[in-house]
Amino acid sequence: MRGFALAVSIGFLLTGVSALAQAPAQPAPKPTGQAPAAPAPGTAKPAPTTPAPAATQPSPPPAPPAPFPQGAKVGYVYLQQIAALSAEGKAAQGRVSAFTQKKQTELADKQKALQASQQKLQTGGSVMSETARAQLEKDIDRQQRDLERLQQDAQSDINEMTQEVQTEFNKKLFPILEQVSKEKGIHMLFSATDAGLIWAEPGLDLTMEAVKKLDAAATPAKPQ
């Protein structure tokens, strides 16, 4: 059975940031030189109406989980939901996100340095000596190669860490899934997404039961 997926990519850092196009301001209506038409004599002005506040409807209570079919020998879970809803899965995602943010910051600093050099060449290259201009162009070329290499290394580091986090999570999750399966007396437990599940009895979905047991296993026991 496969574990949850935490695909992380940082390639967007080298593509730049697209500026958001602002909608042009609408021109103010030109004055016509005519006063607004007065209401006909004897005609009362309509009173301003205040929209009635929308009635707040109470949120319906969540539907109870469907009961597990008696005698069923198969079940299924959504691994991605377990990773997203469980405390262990959230912690794993947090670790990868923090590591990715660190690598993004390193790349952003390198990119800013490269952009500063390019700006220097663009604005002052024409007044530089031939030697200074050639040296700056060489520095820019080196910075570009360093940045590309750093991006590749960062992506490799993130992929490696993601794999480690997934492996650690699976070591904690799979015994829980085995425990749930034995308690239900089923012979097979499927990963719904990997199995290409189209339809199944809702009661066979053991996702939330796995989440509860995984959280309970991660919660330290209270001292007696």
N, C-alpha and C. Protein backbone atom coordinates (compact mmCIF):
# COMPACT_ATOMS: atom_id res chain seq x y z
N MET A 1 0.85 -1.19 0.00
CA MET A 1 0.00 0.00 0.00
C MET A 1 0.88 1.24 0.00
N ARG A 2 0.56 2.19 -0.80
CA ARG A 2 1.34 3.39 -0.88
C ARG A 2 0.92 4.37 0.20
N GLY A 3 1.85 5.27 0.55
CA GLY A 3 1.56 6.28 1.55
C GLY A 3 1.01 7.54 0.90
N PHE A 4 0.86 8.56 1.72
CA PHE A 4 0.34 9.82 1.21
C PHE A 4 1.42 10.52 0.41
N ALA A 5 1.02 11.47 -0.42
CA ALA A 5 1.97 12.16 -1.30
C ALA A 5 2.14 13.59 -0.83
N LEU A 6 3.41 14.04 -0.79
CA LEU A 6 3.74 15.41 -0.45
C LEU A 6 4.65 15.94 -1.54
N ALA A 7 4.10 16.20 -2.70
CA ALA A 7 4.91 16.68 -3.81
C ALA A 7 5.15 18.17 -3.63
N VAL A 8 6.43 18.56 -3.62
CA VAL A 8 6.79 19.96 -3.42
C VAL A 8 7.72 20.38 -4.53
N SER A 9 7.45 21.51 -5.15
CA SER A 9 8.31 22.01 -6.20
C SER A 9 8.66 23.47 -5.92
N ILE A 10 9.90 23.85 -6.20
CA ILE A 10 10.31 25.22 -5.99
C ILE A 10 10.80 25.85 -7.28
N GLY A 11 10.52 25.23 -8.41
CA GLY A 11 10.98 25.76 -9.68
C GLY A 11 10.40 27.12 -10.01
N PHE A 12 9.25 27.47 -9.42
CA PHE A 12 8.61 28.73 -9.75
C PHE A 12 9.47 29.92 -9.35
N LEU A 13 10.45 29.73 -8.47
CA LEU A 13 11.23 30.86 -7.98
C LEU A 13 12.05 31.50 -9.10
N LEU A 14 12.39 30.74 -10.11
CA LEU A 14 13.22 31.29 -11.19
C LEU A 14 12.39 31.81 -12.35
N THR A 15 11.10 31.73 -12.25
CA THR A 15 10.26 32.17 -13.36
C THR A 15 9.83 33.61 -13.21
N GLY A 16 10.07 34.20 -12.06
CA GLY A 16 9.65 35.57 -11.83
C GLY A 16 8.22 35.64 -11.37
N VAL A 17 7.80 36.84 -11.01
CA VAL A 17 6.45 37.05 -10.51
C VAL A 17 5.70 37.89 -11.52
N SER A 18 4.57 37.39 -11.95
CA SER A 18 3.76 38.13 -12.93
C SER A 18 3.01 39.25 -12.23
N ALA A 19 3.06 40.43 -12.82
CA ALA A 19 2.33 41.56 -12.23
C ALA A 19 0.85 41.41 -12.53
N LEU A 20 0.06 41.74 -11.53
CA LEU A 20 -1.38 41.68 -11.71
C LEU A 20 -1.85 42.90 -12.48
N ALA A 21 -2.60 42.65 -13.51
CA ALA A 21 -3.12 43.76 -14.30
C ALA A 21 -4.24 44.43 -13.54
N GLN A 22 -4.16 45.75 -13.44
CA GLN A 22 -5.20 46.50 -12.75
C GLN A 22 -6.22 46.97 -13.76
N ALA A 23 -7.45 46.86 -13.37
CA ALA A 23 -8.52 47.31 -14.26
C ALA A 23 -8.48 48.82 -14.34
N PRO A 24 -8.65 49.40 -15.55
CA PRO A 24 -8.63 50.86 -15.66
C PRO A 24 -9.79 51.47 -14.90
N ALA A 25 -9.52 52.62 -14.30
CA ALA A 25 -10.58 53.29 -13.55
C ALA A 25 -11.67 53.75 -14.48
N GLN A 26 -12.88 53.63 -14.07
CA GLN A 26 -14.01 54.05 -14.88
C GLN A 26 -14.10 55.58 -14.87
N PRO A 27 -14.22 56.23 -16.03
CA PRO A 27 -14.30 57.70 -16.05
C PRO A 27 -15.59 58.16 -15.40
N ALA A 28 -15.49 59.31 -14.72
CA ALA A 28 -16.69 59.87 -14.10
C ALA A 28 -17.63 60.37 -15.17
N PRO A 29 -18.94 60.30 -14.97
CA PRO A 29 -19.89 60.77 -15.98
C PRO A 29 -19.75 62.27 -16.19
N LYS A 30 -19.78 62.67 -17.43
CA LYS A 30 -19.67 64.09 -17.76
C LYS A 30 -20.93 64.83 -17.34
N PRO A 31 -20.76 66.04 -16.78
CA PRO A 31 -21.96 66.81 -16.42
C PRO A 31 -22.73 67.23 -17.65
N THR A 32 -24.03 67.16 -17.57
CA THR A 32 -24.87 67.51 -18.72
C THR A 32 -25.35 68.94 -18.66
N GLY A 33 -25.15 69.62 -17.50
CA GLY A 33 -25.63 71.00 -17.40
C GLY A 33 -27.09 71.10 -17.05
N GLN A 34 -27.76 69.99 -16.89
CA GLN A 34 -29.18 69.97 -16.57
C GLN A 34 -29.37 69.47 -15.16
N ALA A 35 -30.28 70.12 -14.43
CA ALA A 35 -30.59 69.69 -13.09
C ALA A 35 -31.43 68.43 -13.16
N PRO A 36 -31.34 67.59 -12.16
CA PRO A 36 -32.17 66.38 -12.17
C PRO A 36 -33.64 66.73 -12.16
N ALA A 37 -34.41 65.93 -12.84
CA ALA A 37 -35.85 66.20 -12.97
C ALA A 37 -36.51 66.14 -11.60
N ALA A 38 -37.34 67.14 -11.29
CA ALA A 38 -38.06 67.17 -10.03
C ALA A 38 -39.27 66.27 -10.11
N PRO A 39 -39.67 65.70 -9.01
CA PRO A 39 -40.85 64.85 -9.05
C PRO A 39 -42.10 65.66 -9.35
N ALA A 40 -43.05 65.02 -9.97
CA ALA A 40 -44.31 65.69 -10.32
C ALA A 40 -45.01 66.16 -9.06
N PRO A 41 -45.73 67.31 -9.13
CA PRO A 41 -46.45 67.81 -7.95
C PRO A 41 -47.39 66.76 -7.39
N GLY A 42 -47.39 66.72 -6.07
CA GLY A 42 -48.30 65.78 -5.41
C GLY A 42 -47.78 64.37 -5.34
N THR A 43 -46.60 64.17 -5.89
CA THR A 43 -46.04 62.82 -5.87
C THR A 43 -45.03 62.73 -4.74
N ALA A 44 -45.27 61.85 -3.81
CA ALA A 44 -44.37 61.70 -2.67
C ALA A 44 -43.13 60.94 -3.08
N LYS A 45 -42.03 61.36 -2.51
CA LYS A 45 -40.79 60.64 -2.78
C LYS A 45 -40.84 59.29 -2.08
N PRO A 46 -40.42 58.26 -2.75
CA PRO A 46 -40.41 56.95 -2.08
C PRO A 46 -39.41 56.93 -0.94
N ALA A 47 -39.83 56.37 0.16
CA ALA A 47 -38.96 56.28 1.33
C ALA A 47 -37.85 55.28 1.06
N PRO A 48 -36.64 55.61 1.51
CA PRO A 48 -35.54 54.64 1.30
C PRO A 48 -35.83 53.36 2.04
N THR A 49 -35.56 52.30 1.36
CA THR A 49 -35.84 51.00 1.95
C THR A 49 -34.55 50.39 2.46
N THR A 50 -34.63 49.81 3.61
CA THR A 50 -33.49 49.11 4.21
C THR A 50 -33.65 47.63 3.97
N PRO A 51 -32.68 47.02 3.30
CA PRO A 51 -32.83 45.58 3.04
C PRO A 51 -32.93 44.81 4.34
N ALA A 52 -33.86 43.89 4.34
CA ALA A 52 -34.05 43.07 5.53
C ALA A 52 -32.86 42.15 5.71
N PRO A 53 -32.38 42.03 6.94
CA PRO A 53 -31.24 41.13 7.17
C PRO A 53 -31.59 39.70 6.82
N ALA A 54 -30.62 39.05 6.18
CA ALA A 54 -30.85 37.66 5.79
C ALA A 54 -30.99 36.79 7.03
N ALA A 55 -31.96 35.95 6.98
CA ALA A 55 -32.19 35.05 8.12
C ALA A 55 -31.03 34.07 8.23
N THR A 56 -30.47 34.00 9.39
CA THR A 56 -29.36 33.07 9.61
C THR A 56 -29.91 31.68 9.86
N GLN A 57 -29.55 30.80 8.99
CA GLN A 57 -30.01 29.43 9.12
C GLN A 57 -28.97 28.64 9.91
N PRO A 58 -29.38 27.91 10.91
CA PRO A 58 -28.42 27.10 11.66
C PRO A 58 -27.80 26.03 10.78
N SER A 59 -26.51 25.83 10.96
CA SER A 59 -25.82 24.82 10.17
C SER A 59 -26.33 23.44 10.55
N PRO A 60 -26.63 22.63 9.56
CA PRO A 60 -27.11 21.29 9.87
C PRO A 60 -26.02 20.49 10.55
N PRO A 61 -26.37 19.68 11.48
CA PRO A 61 -25.36 18.86 12.16
C PRO A 61 -24.72 17.88 11.19
N PRO A 62 -23.44 17.57 11.37
CA PRO A 62 -22.80 16.62 10.46
C PRO A 62 -23.46 15.25 10.52
N ALA A 63 -23.57 14.67 9.36
CA ALA A 63 -24.21 13.36 9.28
C ALA A 63 -23.35 12.33 9.99
N PRO A 64 -23.95 11.46 10.77
CA PRO A 64 -23.17 10.42 11.45
C PRO A 64 -22.56 9.47 10.43
N PRO A 65 -21.40 8.92 10.73
CA PRO A 65 -20.79 7.98 9.78
C PRO A 65 -21.67 6.76 9.57
N ALA A 66 -21.65 6.27 8.35
CA ALA A 66 -22.45 5.09 8.04
C ALA A 66 -21.91 3.90 8.81
N PRO A 67 -22.77 3.06 9.33
CA PRO A 67 -22.30 1.90 10.09
C PRO A 67 -21.58 0.91 9.18
N PHE A 68 -20.60 0.25 9.74
CA PHE A 68 -19.87 -0.76 8.99
C PHE A 68 -20.79 -1.95 8.73
N PRO A 69 -20.93 -2.37 7.47
CA PRO A 69 -21.84 -3.48 7.15
C PRO A 69 -21.45 -4.76 7.89
N GLN A 70 -22.42 -5.35 8.54
CA GLN A 70 -22.17 -6.57 9.29
C GLN A 70 -21.72 -7.69 8.35
N GLY A 71 -20.60 -8.33 8.70
CA GLY A 71 -20.12 -9.45 7.90
C GLY A 71 -19.28 -9.07 6.71
N ALA A 72 -19.06 -7.76 6.49
CA ALA A 72 -18.25 -7.34 5.34
C ALA A 72 -16.80 -7.80 5.53
N LYS A 73 -16.17 -8.19 4.46
CA LYS A 73 -14.81 -8.71 4.52
C LYS A 73 -13.79 -7.80 3.84
N VAL A 74 -14.22 -6.64 3.34
CA VAL A 74 -13.30 -5.69 2.72
C VAL A 74 -13.62 -4.29 3.25
N GLY A 75 -12.65 -3.41 3.16
CA GLY A 75 -12.84 -2.02 3.54
C GLY A 75 -11.88 -1.16 2.74
N TYR A 76 -11.99 0.14 2.91
CA TYR A 76 -11.09 1.04 2.18
C TYR A 76 -10.86 2.30 3.01
N VAL A 77 -9.77 2.99 2.70
CA VAL A 77 -9.43 4.25 3.34
C VAL A 77 -8.90 5.21 2.28
N TYR A 78 -8.99 6.50 2.57
CA TYR A 78 -8.39 7.55 1.73
C TYR A 78 -7.13 8.02 2.45
N LEU A 79 -5.97 7.59 1.97
CA LEU A 79 -4.72 7.90 2.64
C LEU A 79 -4.44 9.40 2.70
N GLN A 80 -4.81 10.11 1.63
CA GLN A 80 -4.55 11.55 1.62
C GLN A 80 -5.36 12.26 2.70
N GLN A 81 -6.58 11.80 2.93
CA GLN A 81 -7.40 12.39 3.98
C GLN A 81 -6.82 12.10 5.36
N ILE A 82 -6.31 10.90 5.54
CA ILE A 82 -5.69 10.56 6.83
C ILE A 82 -4.50 11.49 7.08
N ALA A 83 -3.70 11.72 6.05
CA ALA A 83 -2.55 12.61 6.21
C ALA A 83 -2.98 14.05 6.47
N ALA A 84 -4.08 14.47 5.84
CA ALA A 84 -4.52 15.86 5.98
C ALA A 84 -5.24 16.12 7.30
N LEU A 85 -5.90 15.11 7.85
CA LEU A 85 -6.74 15.31 9.03
C LEU A 85 -6.07 14.89 10.34
N SER A 86 -5.13 14.00 10.27
CA SER A 86 -4.51 13.50 11.50
C SER A 86 -3.42 14.45 11.99
N ALA A 87 -3.17 14.41 13.29
CA ALA A 87 -2.12 15.25 13.87
C ALA A 87 -0.75 14.86 13.32
N GLU A 88 -0.51 13.57 13.14
CA GLU A 88 0.77 13.10 12.60
C GLU A 88 0.96 13.61 11.17
N GLY A 89 -0.09 13.54 10.37
CA GLY A 89 0.02 14.01 9.00
C GLY A 89 0.26 15.50 8.91
N LYS A 90 -0.42 16.28 9.76
CA LYS A 90 -0.22 17.73 9.76
C LYS A 90 1.20 18.08 10.19
N ALA A 91 1.72 17.35 11.17
CA ALA A 91 3.09 17.59 11.62
C ALA A 91 4.09 17.28 10.51
N ALA A 92 3.83 16.20 9.77
CA ALA A 92 4.72 15.83 8.67
C ALA A 92 4.70 16.90 7.58
N GLN A 93 3.51 17.37 7.25
CA GLN A 93 3.39 18.42 6.24
C GLN A 93 4.08 19.70 6.72
N GLY A 94 3.98 20.00 8.01
CA GLY A 94 4.63 21.18 8.55
C GLY A 94 6.13 21.12 8.44
N ARG A 95 6.69 19.94 8.68
CA ARG A 95 8.14 19.78 8.56
C ARG A 95 8.62 20.02 7.13
N VAL A 96 7.89 19.45 6.18
CA VAL A 96 8.28 19.63 4.78
C VAL A 96 8.10 21.08 4.36
N SER A 97 7.02 21.71 4.80
CA SER A 97 6.76 23.10 4.43
C SER A 97 7.84 24.03 4.98
N ALA A 98 8.25 23.81 6.23
CA ALA A 98 9.28 24.64 6.84
C ALA A 98 10.62 24.48 6.11
N PHE A 99 10.95 23.24 5.76
CA PHE A 99 12.20 22.98 5.05
C PHE A 99 12.15 23.62 3.65
N THR A 100 11.00 23.52 3.00
CA THR A 100 10.85 24.12 1.68
C THR A 100 10.97 25.64 1.75
N GLN A 101 10.37 26.25 2.76
CA GLN A 101 10.46 27.69 2.93
C GLN A 101 11.89 28.15 3.12
N LYS A 102 12.66 27.36 3.86
CA LYS A 102 14.07 27.69 4.06
C LYS A 102 14.82 27.70 2.73
N LYS A 103 14.58 26.68 1.92
CA LYS A 103 15.24 26.60 0.62
C LYS A 103 14.77 27.73 -0.30
N GLN A 104 13.51 28.08 -0.23
CA GLN A 104 12.99 29.18 -1.04
C GLN A 104 13.65 30.50 -0.67
N THR A 105 13.88 30.71 0.62
CA THR A 105 14.53 31.93 1.07
C THR A 105 15.96 32.01 0.55
N GLU A 106 16.67 30.89 0.60
CA GLU A 106 18.04 30.86 0.08
C GLU A 106 18.06 31.19 -1.41
N LEU A 107 17.13 30.62 -2.15
CA LEU A 107 17.07 30.89 -3.59
C LEU A 107 16.70 32.34 -3.87
N ALA A 108 15.77 32.88 -3.07
CA ALA A 108 15.34 34.27 -3.28
C ALA A 108 16.51 35.23 -3.05
N ASP A 109 17.34 34.97 -2.05
CA ASP A 109 18.50 35.83 -1.79
C ASP A 109 19.48 35.80 -2.97
N LYS A 110 19.72 34.61 -3.50
CA LYS A 110 20.61 34.50 -4.65
C LYS A 110 20.03 35.20 -5.87
N GLN A 111 18.74 35.09 -6.03
CA GLN A 111 18.09 35.70 -7.19
C GLN A 111 18.16 37.23 -7.09
N LYS A 112 17.98 37.76 -5.87
CA LYS A 112 18.07 39.21 -5.69
C LYS A 112 19.47 39.72 -6.04
N ALA A 113 20.49 38.97 -5.63
CA ALA A 113 21.87 39.36 -5.94
C ALA A 113 22.10 39.36 -7.45
N LEU A 114 21.55 38.36 -8.13
CA LEU A 114 21.69 38.29 -9.59
C LEU A 114 20.98 39.47 -10.25
N GLN A 115 19.77 39.77 -9.79
CA GLN A 115 19.03 40.88 -10.36
C GLN A 115 19.74 42.22 -10.13
N ALA A 116 20.40 42.36 -8.98
CA ALA A 116 21.14 43.59 -8.70
C ALA A 116 22.31 43.74 -9.68
N SER A 117 23.00 42.66 -9.96
CA SER A 117 24.10 42.72 -10.92
C SER A 117 23.60 43.04 -12.32
N GLN A 118 22.48 42.42 -12.70
CA GLN A 118 21.92 42.69 -14.02
C GLN A 118 21.48 44.15 -14.14
N GLN A 119 20.91 44.68 -13.06
CA GLN A 119 20.48 46.07 -13.08
C GLN A 119 21.68 47.01 -13.18
N LYS A 120 22.76 46.64 -12.49
CA LYS A 120 23.98 47.45 -12.54
C LYS A 120 24.54 47.49 -13.95
N LEU A 121 24.51 46.34 -14.63
CA LEU A 121 25.01 46.28 -16.01
C LEU A 121 24.12 47.08 -16.94
N GLN A 122 22.82 47.01 -16.70
CA GLN A 122 21.88 47.69 -17.59
C GLN A 122 21.98 49.21 -17.46
N THR A 123 22.14 49.70 -16.24
CA THR A 123 22.12 51.14 -16.04
C THR A 123 23.50 51.79 -16.18
N GLY A 124 24.56 51.05 -15.84
CA GLY A 124 25.89 51.67 -15.88
C GLY A 124 26.88 51.01 -16.81
N GLY A 125 26.42 50.02 -17.56
CA GLY A 125 27.36 49.32 -18.43
C GLY A 125 27.96 50.18 -19.51
N SER A 126 27.22 51.17 -19.98
CA SER A 126 27.69 52.00 -21.09
C SER A 126 28.82 52.94 -20.67
N VAL A 127 28.93 53.23 -19.37
CA VAL A 127 29.97 54.15 -18.91
C VAL A 127 31.12 53.40 -18.24
N MET A 128 31.04 52.09 -18.16
CA MET A 128 32.11 51.31 -17.55
C MET A 128 33.27 51.14 -18.52
N SER A 129 34.43 50.87 -17.96
CA SER A 129 35.56 50.52 -18.81
C SER A 129 35.32 49.13 -19.39
N GLU A 130 36.03 48.82 -20.44
CA GLU A 130 35.86 47.53 -21.08
C GLU A 130 36.17 46.38 -20.12
N THR A 131 37.20 46.61 -19.29
CA THR A 131 37.60 45.58 -18.34
C THR A 131 36.53 45.37 -17.27
N ALA A 132 36.00 46.48 -16.72
CA ALA A 132 34.98 46.38 -15.67
C ALA A 132 33.70 45.76 -16.21
N ARG A 133 33.33 46.12 -17.42
CA ARG A 133 32.11 45.58 -18.01
C ARG A 133 32.26 44.07 -18.24
N ALA A 134 33.43 43.65 -18.75
CA ALA A 134 33.66 42.23 -19.00
C ALA A 134 33.64 41.44 -17.70
N GLN A 135 34.20 42.02 -16.62
CA GLN A 135 34.20 41.34 -15.33
C GLN A 135 32.79 41.20 -14.78
N LEU A 136 31.96 42.26 -14.93
CA LEU A 136 30.58 42.20 -14.45
C LEU A 136 29.78 41.17 -15.23
N GLU A 137 29.97 41.10 -16.52
CA GLU A 137 29.26 40.10 -17.33
C GLU A 137 29.67 38.69 -16.92
N LYS A 138 30.96 38.52 -16.60
CA LYS A 138 31.43 37.22 -16.15
C LYS A 138 30.80 36.86 -14.80
N ASP A 139 30.69 37.86 -13.90
CA ASP A 139 30.06 37.62 -12.60
C ASP A 139 28.60 37.24 -12.76
N ILE A 140 27.91 37.89 -13.67
CA ILE A 140 26.49 37.59 -13.90
C ILE A 140 26.33 36.17 -14.42
N ASP A 141 27.20 35.77 -15.34
CA ASP A 141 27.13 34.41 -15.87
C ASP A 141 27.37 33.39 -14.76
N ARG A 142 28.33 33.67 -13.87
CA ARG A 142 28.60 32.76 -12.76
C ARG A 142 27.41 32.70 -11.80
N GLN A 143 26.81 33.85 -11.50
CA GLN A 143 25.65 33.89 -10.60
C GLN A 143 24.48 33.10 -11.17
N GLN A 144 24.28 33.18 -12.49
CA GLN A 144 23.20 32.43 -13.11
C GLN A 144 23.43 30.93 -12.98
N ARG A 145 24.66 30.49 -13.22
CA ARG A 145 24.96 29.06 -13.10
C ARG A 145 24.85 28.59 -11.66
N ASP A 146 25.30 29.42 -10.74
CA ASP A 146 25.19 29.06 -9.31
C ASP A 146 23.73 28.95 -8.89
N LEU A 147 22.91 29.85 -9.39
CA LEU A 147 21.50 29.83 -9.02
C LEU A 147 20.80 28.60 -9.57
N GLU A 148 21.10 28.23 -10.79
CA GLU A 148 20.50 27.04 -11.38
C GLU A 148 20.94 25.78 -10.62
N ARG A 149 22.23 25.74 -10.26
CA ARG A 149 22.73 24.58 -9.51
C ARG A 149 22.09 24.52 -8.13
N LEU A 150 21.93 25.68 -7.49
CA LEU A 150 21.32 25.72 -6.17
C LEU A 150 19.86 25.27 -6.23
N GLN A 151 19.18 25.64 -7.28
CA GLN A 151 17.79 25.22 -7.43
C GLN A 151 17.69 23.71 -7.57
N GLN A 152 18.56 23.13 -8.37
CA GLN A 152 18.55 21.68 -8.55
C GLN A 152 18.86 20.96 -7.24
N ASP A 153 19.85 21.48 -6.51
CA ASP A 153 20.21 20.87 -5.23
C ASP A 153 19.07 20.99 -4.22
N ALA A 154 18.43 22.16 -4.20
CA ALA A 154 17.33 22.37 -3.26
C ALA A 154 16.17 21.43 -3.56
N GLN A 155 15.84 21.26 -4.85
CA GLN A 155 14.75 20.36 -5.20
C GLN A 155 15.09 18.92 -4.82
N SER A 156 16.35 18.55 -5.01
CA SER A 156 16.78 17.20 -4.63
C SER A 156 16.70 17.01 -3.12
N ASP A 157 17.12 18.03 -2.36
CA ASP A 157 17.05 17.94 -0.90
C ASP A 157 15.61 17.83 -0.42
N ILE A 158 14.72 18.59 -1.02
CA ILE A 158 13.31 18.56 -0.62
C ILE A 158 12.69 17.21 -0.95
N ASN A 159 13.01 16.68 -2.13
CA ASN A 159 12.47 15.36 -2.49
C ASN A 159 12.96 14.29 -1.52
N GLU A 160 14.24 14.39 -1.13
CA GLU A 160 14.80 13.40 -0.21
C GLU A 160 14.14 13.50 1.16
N MET A 161 13.96 14.72 1.65
CA MET A 161 13.33 14.87 2.95
C MET A 161 11.87 14.43 2.91
N THR A 162 11.18 14.77 1.82
CA THR A 162 9.78 14.36 1.68
C THR A 162 9.65 12.85 1.75
N GLN A 163 10.56 12.15 1.08
CA GLN A 163 10.54 10.69 1.11
C GLN A 163 10.76 10.16 2.51
N GLU A 164 11.68 10.79 3.24
CA GLU A 164 11.94 10.37 4.62
C GLU A 164 10.71 10.59 5.50
N VAL A 165 10.06 11.73 5.33
CA VAL A 165 8.87 12.03 6.13
C VAL A 165 7.75 11.05 5.82
N GLN A 166 7.58 10.73 4.54
CA GLN A 166 6.54 9.79 4.15
C GLN A 166 6.82 8.41 4.74
N THR A 167 8.08 8.01 4.71
CA THR A 167 8.44 6.70 5.28
C THR A 167 8.14 6.65 6.77
N GLU A 168 8.50 7.71 7.49
CA GLU A 168 8.22 7.76 8.92
C GLU A 168 6.72 7.72 9.19
N PHE A 169 5.96 8.45 8.39
CA PHE A 169 4.51 8.48 8.58
C PHE A 169 3.90 7.10 8.32
N ASN A 170 4.37 6.44 7.27
CA ASN A 170 3.84 5.11 6.94
C ASN A 170 4.13 4.10 8.04
N LYS A 171 5.30 4.22 8.69
CA LYS A 171 5.63 3.30 9.77
C LYS A 171 4.65 3.44 10.94
N LYS A 172 4.12 4.63 11.14
CA LYS A 172 3.14 4.85 12.20
C LYS A 172 1.73 4.51 11.73
N LEU A 173 1.45 4.74 10.45
CA LEU A 173 0.08 4.57 9.95
C LEU A 173 -0.27 3.11 9.70
N PHE A 174 0.61 2.34 9.06
CA PHE A 174 0.25 1.00 8.62
C PHE A 174 -0.11 0.06 9.77
N PRO A 175 0.58 0.12 10.92
CA PRO A 175 0.10 -0.71 12.04
C PRO A 175 -1.30 -0.32 12.50
N ILE A 176 -1.63 0.96 12.40
CA ILE A 176 -2.98 1.40 12.75
C ILE A 176 -4.00 0.81 11.78
N LEU A 177 -3.68 0.83 10.49
CA LEU A 177 -4.59 0.27 9.50
C LEU A 177 -4.75 -1.23 9.70
N GLU A 178 -3.68 -1.90 10.07
CA GLU A 178 -3.77 -3.34 10.35
C GLU A 178 -4.66 -3.59 11.57
N GLN A 179 -4.51 -2.74 12.58
CA GLN A 179 -5.34 -2.88 13.78
C GLN A 179 -6.81 -2.68 13.47
N VAL A 180 -7.12 -1.64 12.68
CA VAL A 180 -8.51 -1.39 12.30
C VAL A 180 -9.07 -2.57 11.51
N SER A 181 -8.28 -3.11 10.60
CA SER A 181 -8.74 -4.22 9.77
C SER A 181 -9.06 -5.45 10.62
N LYS A 182 -8.20 -5.74 11.59
CA LYS A 182 -8.43 -6.90 12.44
C LYS A 182 -9.66 -6.70 13.33
N GLU A 183 -9.83 -5.48 13.83
CA GLU A 183 -10.99 -5.21 14.67
C GLU A 183 -12.30 -5.37 13.90
N LYS A 184 -12.27 -5.02 12.62
CA LYS A 184 -13.47 -5.14 11.79
C LYS A 184 -13.64 -6.55 11.24
N GLY A 185 -12.61 -7.37 11.37
CA GLY A 185 -12.69 -8.73 10.86
C GLY A 185 -12.68 -8.82 9.35
N ILE A 186 -12.03 -7.85 8.70
CA ILE A 186 -12.01 -7.88 7.23
C ILE A 186 -10.75 -8.59 6.74
N HIS A 187 -10.83 -9.06 5.50
CA HIS A 187 -9.71 -9.78 4.91
C HIS A 187 -8.81 -8.87 4.08
N MET A 188 -9.36 -7.76 3.56
CA MET A 188 -8.58 -6.86 2.71
C MET A 188 -8.98 -5.42 3.00
N LEU A 189 -7.97 -4.54 2.99
CA LEU A 189 -8.19 -3.10 3.13
C LEU A 189 -7.52 -2.41 1.95
N PHE A 190 -8.30 -1.62 1.22
CA PHE A 190 -7.80 -0.99 0.00
C PHE A 190 -7.53 0.50 0.23
N SER A 191 -6.56 1.01 -0.51
CA SER A 191 -6.41 2.45 -0.65
C SER A 191 -7.37 2.88 -1.76
N ALA A 192 -8.39 3.65 -1.39
CA ALA A 192 -9.48 3.95 -2.33
C ALA A 192 -8.97 4.61 -3.61
N THR A 193 -8.04 5.55 -3.47
CA THR A 193 -7.55 6.27 -4.64
C THR A 193 -6.69 5.37 -5.52
N ASP A 194 -5.78 4.62 -4.91
CA ASP A 194 -4.89 3.76 -5.70
C ASP A 194 -5.64 2.61 -6.36
N ALA A 195 -6.73 2.18 -5.72
CA ALA A 195 -7.50 1.06 -6.27
C ALA A 195 -8.44 1.50 -7.39
N GLY A 196 -8.53 2.80 -7.62
CA GLY A 196 -9.44 3.29 -8.65
C GLY A 196 -10.90 3.07 -8.27
N LEU A 197 -11.22 3.28 -7.01
CA LEU A 197 -12.57 3.03 -6.50
C LEU A 197 -13.58 3.94 -7.18
N ILE A 198 -14.63 3.37 -7.71
CA ILE A 198 -15.70 4.13 -8.35
C ILE A 198 -16.89 4.27 -7.42
N TRP A 199 -17.30 3.19 -6.80
CA TRP A 199 -18.40 3.23 -5.84
C TRP A 199 -18.20 2.13 -4.83
N ALA A 200 -18.60 2.39 -3.60
CA ALA A 200 -18.57 1.37 -2.56
C ALA A 200 -19.56 1.77 -1.48
N GLU A 201 -19.97 0.82 -0.71
CA GLU A 201 -20.85 1.09 0.41
C GLU A 201 -20.16 2.06 1.36
N PRO A 202 -20.79 3.22 1.70
CA PRO A 202 -20.13 4.21 2.55
C PRO A 202 -19.64 3.65 3.88
N GLY A 203 -20.34 2.66 4.41
CA GLY A 203 -19.92 2.10 5.68
C GLY A 203 -18.59 1.38 5.64
N LEU A 204 -18.12 1.05 4.43
CA LEU A 204 -16.83 0.38 4.29
C LEU A 204 -15.66 1.36 4.38
N ASP A 205 -15.97 2.66 4.39
CA ASP A 205 -14.92 3.68 4.47
C ASP A 205 -14.44 3.79 5.93
N LEU A 206 -13.22 3.39 6.17
CA LEU A 206 -12.66 3.37 7.52
C LEU A 206 -11.65 4.50 7.73
N THR A 207 -11.71 5.53 6.88
CA THR A 207 -10.75 6.62 6.94
C THR A 207 -10.76 7.32 8.29
N MET A 208 -11.93 7.78 8.73
CA MET A 208 -12.00 8.55 9.96
C MET A 208 -11.68 7.70 11.19
N GLU A 209 -12.00 6.41 11.11
CA GLU A 209 -11.65 5.54 12.23
C GLU A 209 -10.13 5.41 12.34
N ALA A 210 -9.46 5.36 11.19
CA ALA A 210 -8.00 5.31 11.19
C ALA A 210 -7.41 6.61 11.73
N VAL A 211 -8.02 7.76 11.36
CA VAL A 211 -7.54 9.05 11.85
C VAL A 211 -7.64 9.11 13.38
N LYS A 212 -8.78 8.67 13.92
CA LYS A 212 -8.97 8.71 15.37
C LYS A 212 -7.96 7.82 16.10
N LYS A 213 -7.74 6.64 15.57
CA LYS A 213 -6.79 5.73 16.21
C LYS A 213 -5.36 6.23 16.09
N LEU A 214 -5.04 6.85 14.96
CA LEU A 214 -3.68 7.39 14.78
C LEU A 214 -3.44 8.55 15.73
N ASP A 215 -4.43 9.41 15.90
CA ASP A 215 -4.30 10.52 16.84
C ASP A 215 -4.21 10.01 18.28
N ALA A 216 -5.00 9.00 18.58
CA ALA A 216 -4.97 8.45 19.94
C ALA A 216 -3.62 7.81 20.24
N ALA A 217 -3.04 7.17 19.25
CA ALA A 217 -1.72 6.55 19.45
C ALA A 217 -0.63 7.59 19.63
N ALA A 218 -0.82 8.78 19.02
CA ALA A 218 0.19 9.84 19.12
C ALA A 218 0.05 10.66 20.38
N THR A 219 -1.11 10.57 21.07
CA THR A 219 -1.35 11.35 22.27
C THR A 219 -0.72 10.65 23.46
N PRO A 220 0.18 11.33 24.18
CA PRO A 220 0.80 10.68 25.34
C PRO A 220 -0.22 10.39 26.43
N ALA A 221 -0.07 9.26 27.07
CA ALA A 221 -1.02 8.87 28.12
C ALA A 221 -0.88 9.80 29.31
N LYS A 222 -2.02 10.16 29.91
CA LYS A 222 -2.01 11.04 31.08
C LYS A 222 -1.52 10.25 32.30
N PRO A 223 -0.71 10.92 33.13
CA PRO A 223 -0.21 10.23 34.32
C PRO A 223 -1.35 9.91 35.28
N GLN A 224 -1.30 8.75 35.86
CA GLN A 224 -2.36 8.33 36.78
C GLN A 224 -2.23 9.06 38.10
